[in-house]
C-alpha cells in the first residue's frame, strides 16, 4: 500500500519509485494496475496456479477409457489396448 501512496503523491518518477522499493518497473506497474482494478484487495498475494488445464481429459472421455480398461482381463491386456493413430514424422 505504501507503494501506491507514494505513486499517488507524485513525489518520484516511476523509475525512482521502483528503485526506492526495490522492485522492477514491470512489478510496479502490475501493483498499480491491480490496485486500480481491485482496490486494496488487488494487492493481496494471488495464487500462481493456472486457472485451467488445457490438456485435461474431459470427464465423459475419462469414464469411457476407464470402462474400456476395466472390461479387459489381466491375461488379455495386450489384446485390448485402445488403438491410437500413430504420428508420422
C-alpha atoms as a PDB file:
ATOM      1  CA  UNK A   1       0.000   0.000   0.000  1.00  0.00           C
ATOM      2  CA  UNK A   2       2.937   2.329   0.714  1.00  0.00           C
ATOM      3  CA  UNK A   3       3.993   1.963  -2.919  1.00  0.00           C
ATOM      4  CA  UNK A   4       0.590   3.130  -4.153  1.00  0.00           C
ATOM      5  CA  UNK A   5       0.530   6.067  -1.714  1.00  0.00           C
ATOM      6  CA  UNK A   6       3.984   7.161  -2.878  1.00  0.00           C
ATOM      7  CA  UNK A   7       2.876   6.749  -6.509  1.00  0.00           C
ATOM      8  CA  UNK A   8      -0.226   8.893  -5.952  1.00  0.00           C
ATOM      9  CA  UNK A   9       1.846  11.623  -4.237  1.00  0.00           C
ATOM     10  CA  UNK A  10       3.824  12.120  -7.470  1.00  0.00           C
ATOM     11  CA  UNK A  11       6.974  12.942  -5.452  1.00  0.00           C
ATOM     12  CA  UNK A  12       9.030  10.454  -7.511  1.00  0.00           C
ATOM     13  CA  UNK A  13       9.163   9.465 -11.130  1.00  0.00           C
ATOM     14  CA  UNK A  14       8.195   5.838 -11.637  1.00  0.00           C
ATOM     15  CA  UNK A  15      11.751   4.534 -12.090  1.00  0.00           C
ATOM     16  CA  UNK A  16      12.888   6.211  -8.859  1.00  0.00           C
ATOM     17  CA  UNK A  17       9.852   4.903  -7.013  1.00  0.00           C
ATOM     18  CA  UNK A  18      10.505   1.326  -8.106  1.00  0.00           C
ATOM     19  CA  UNK A  19      14.191   1.622  -7.171  1.00  0.00           C
ATOM     20  CA  UNK A  20      13.214   3.001  -3.764  1.00  0.00           C
ATOM     21  CA  UNK A  21      11.014  -0.055  -3.101  1.00  0.00           C
ATOM     22  CA  UNK A  22      13.466  -2.483  -4.711  1.00  0.00           C
ATOM     23  CA  UNK A  23      11.101  -3.767  -7.406  1.00  0.00           C
ATOM     24  CA  UNK A  24      11.242  -3.820 -11.182  1.00  0.00           C
ATOM     25  CA  UNK A  25       9.164  -1.328 -13.156  1.00  0.00           C
ATOM     26  CA  UNK A  26       7.168  -4.271 -14.511  1.00  0.00           C
ATOM     27  CA  UNK A  27       6.261  -5.285 -10.946  1.00  0.00           C
ATOM     28  CA  UNK A  28       5.456  -1.678 -10.036  1.00  0.00           C
ATOM     29  CA  UNK A  29       3.076  -1.317 -12.978  1.00  0.00           C
ATOM     30  CA  UNK A  30       1.453  -4.630 -12.034  1.00  0.00           C
ATOM     31  CA  UNK A  31       0.833  -3.386  -8.477  1.00  0.00           C
ATOM     32  CA  UNK A  32      -0.665  -0.116  -9.725  1.00  0.00           C
ATOM     33  CA  UNK A  33      -2.895  -1.944 -12.232  1.00  0.00           C
ATOM     34  CA  UNK A  34      -4.091  -4.377  -9.554  1.00  0.00           C
ATOM     35  CA  UNK A  35      -4.846  -1.507  -7.159  1.00  0.00           C
ATOM     36  CA  UNK A  36      -6.764   0.419  -9.805  1.00  0.00           C
ATOM     37  CA  UNK A  37      -8.736  -2.691 -10.826  1.00  0.00           C
ATOM     38  CA  UNK A  38      -9.468  -4.239  -7.410  1.00  0.00           C
ATOM     39  CA  UNK A  39      -8.511  -1.709  -4.748  1.00  0.00           C
ATOM     40  CA  UNK A  40      -6.632  -2.891  -1.672  1.00  0.00           C
ATOM     41  CA  UNK A  41      -7.770  -6.496  -2.306  1.00  0.00           C
ATOM     42  CA  UNK A  42      -5.820  -6.455  -5.574  1.00  0.00           C
ATOM     43  CA  UNK A  43      -2.582  -6.029  -3.623  1.00  0.00           C
ATOM     44  CA  UNK A  44      -3.012  -9.273  -1.676  1.00  0.00           C
ATOM     45  CA  UNK A  45      -0.940 -12.294  -2.670  1.00  0.00           C
ATOM     46  CA  UNK A  46      -2.573 -14.166  -5.530  1.00  0.00           C
ATOM     47  CA  UNK A  47      -2.370 -17.806  -6.464  1.00  0.00           C
ATOM     48  CA  UNK A  48       0.108 -18.630  -9.210  1.00  0.00           C
ATOM     49  CA  UNK A  49      -1.684 -21.870 -10.057  1.00  0.00           C
ATOM     50  CA  UNK A  50      -3.218 -21.999 -13.524  1.00  0.00           C
ATOM     51  CA  UNK A  51      -6.955 -21.371 -13.692  1.00  0.00           C
ATOM     52  CA  UNK A  52      -7.446 -24.065 -16.334  1.00  0.00           C
ATOM     53  CA  UNK A  53      -5.638 -27.158 -17.576  1.00  0.00           C
ATOM     54  CA  UNK A  54      -5.634 -27.218 -21.406  1.00  0.00           C
ATOM     55  CA  UNK A  55      -4.711 -30.904 -21.703  1.00  0.00           C
ATOM     56  CA  UNK A  56      -7.178 -32.220 -19.125  1.00  0.00           C
ATOM     57  CA  UNK A  57      -9.255 -35.137 -20.395  1.00  0.00           C
ATOM     58  CA  UNK A  58     -12.994 -34.497 -20.388  1.00  0.00           C
ATOM     59  CA  UNK A  59     -14.843 -36.404 -17.645  1.00  0.00           C
ATOM     60  CA  UNK A  60     -17.028 -38.285 -20.151  1.00  0.00           C
ATOM     61  CA  UNK A  61     -13.966 -39.440 -22.116  1.00  0.00           C
ATOM     62  CA  UNK A  62     -12.234 -40.421 -18.881  1.00  0.00           C
ATOM     63  CA  UNK A  63     -15.181 -42.592 -17.880  1.00  0.00           C
ATOM     64  CA  UNK A  64     -15.192 -44.310 -21.286  1.00  0.00           C
ATOM     65  CA  UNK A  65     -11.480 -45.034 -21.017  1.00  0.00           C
ATOM     66  CA  UNK A  66     -11.857 -46.447 -17.507  1.00  0.00           C
ATOM     67  CA  UNK A  67     -14.761 -48.640 -18.619  1.00  0.00           C
ATOM     68  CA  UNK A  68     -12.709 -49.939 -21.530  1.00  0.00           C
ATOM     69  CA  UNK A  69      -9.744 -50.608 -19.246  1.00  0.00           C
ATOM     70  CA  UNK A  70     -11.784 -52.433 -16.624  1.00  0.00           C
ATOM     71  CA  UNK A  71     -13.522 -54.508 -19.281  1.00  0.00           C
ATOM     72  CA  UNK A  72     -10.235 -56.255 -20.069  1.00  0.00           C
ATOM     73  CA  UNK A  73      -8.938 -59.143 -18.017  1.00  0.00           C
ATOM     74  CA  UNK A  74      -5.345 -59.133 -16.792  1.00  0.00           C
ATOM     75  CA  UNK A  75      -4.247 -62.003 -19.015  1.00  0.00           C
ATOM     76  CA  UNK A  76      -5.554 -60.351 -22.219  1.00  0.00           C
ATOM     77  CA  UNK A  77      -4.277 -56.842 -21.590  1.00  0.00           C
ATOM     78  CA  UNK A  78      -2.183 -56.809 -24.745  1.00  0.00           C
ATOM     79  CA  UNK A  79      -5.183 -57.698 -26.903  1.00  0.00           C
ATOM     80  CA  UNK A  80      -7.465 -54.980 -25.593  1.00  0.00           C
ATOM     81  CA  UNK A  81      -5.349 -51.876 -25.915  1.00  0.00           C
ATOM     82  CA  UNK A  82      -7.068 -48.886 -27.370  1.00  0.00           C
ATOM     83  CA  UNK A  83      -5.916 -48.078 -30.864  1.00  0.00           C
ATOM     84  CA  UNK A  84      -4.450 -44.624 -31.269  1.00  0.00           C
ATOM     85  CA  UNK A  85      -3.396 -43.033 -34.534  1.00  0.00           C
ATOM     86  CA  UNK A  86       0.350 -43.018 -34.972  1.00  0.00           C
ATOM     87  CA  UNK A  87       2.064 -39.762 -35.671  1.00  0.00           C
ATOM     88  CA  UNK A  88       4.252 -39.721 -38.729  1.00  0.00           C
ATOM     89  CA  UNK A  89       7.298 -37.538 -38.767  1.00  0.00           C
END
